[in-house]
Amino acid sequence: MARDANRGGLRGECRLRYVGSGPTKEEVRHETIDFAAGGCDCRRYVRATGLRPDNYTWAISCSKNTNSYGVSTGVTWFWMNNGLVINGDPAVGGGGDGCLTGSGQGGPFRIPQTVVSQTDGMTSLQVNGIQVNLSITTGPVFCFANSTITKSFSPSDPQFKITDSISGPSNGGELFGQKVTCVNGANFKFNIQSN
């Protein structure tokens, strides 16, 4: 930051680096700004002007039984427009993970402003919500549980936090007169939030 003799104030350059969603995967923005002496710093300026990219992170915490034979887990998240999923393909319209490799985390990733609609593959719709789906299978047929949570937010300030956990059922009922046994103790917890 340097003093600008012509303007009588402070002049500086904010450099933002974040993971993008485009082909370069990383973008750098440069913005030249003028500050009144003692006025504001780069971080406050960036937040106030909306130049700051909005990011999110996620984390999954898996119990030891999620790696047992017959157990499968999954979590997907999708960006929404006015309460509807924009694109049901996690690679295009959200993301996904599971407990196959154990607990983990990801991000920061950029919250998209728009997502291409799955309806026609061309129309970009504004993102103003997120849907998170958790599922767990702990054995045959009826040893299944799932959960869905949605959260709306303002596109100009996409703030959200979703934390959910899911456990496989301990009793799978009966199938052809035989009691179905599920793997006990298999569960996982998932968190996704804006930063």
Foldseek 3Di string as FASTA:
>chain_A
DAQDPVVRFDKDKDWDWFQADDPVRIDIDIDIDTAHVVGDDPVVVCLVVLVDFKWKKKWKAWDPCCCPPFKWKKKWKFFDDPPHGQDPPCVFGNHMDTQNVGIDMDDRYTDDQWGQGPPVRHDTGGTFKMKMKIKMAFHDDQQIDMDMDMDGHDSSDDWDKDKDKDATDQWRQDDPRHTTGGDPPTMMMMMMTMD
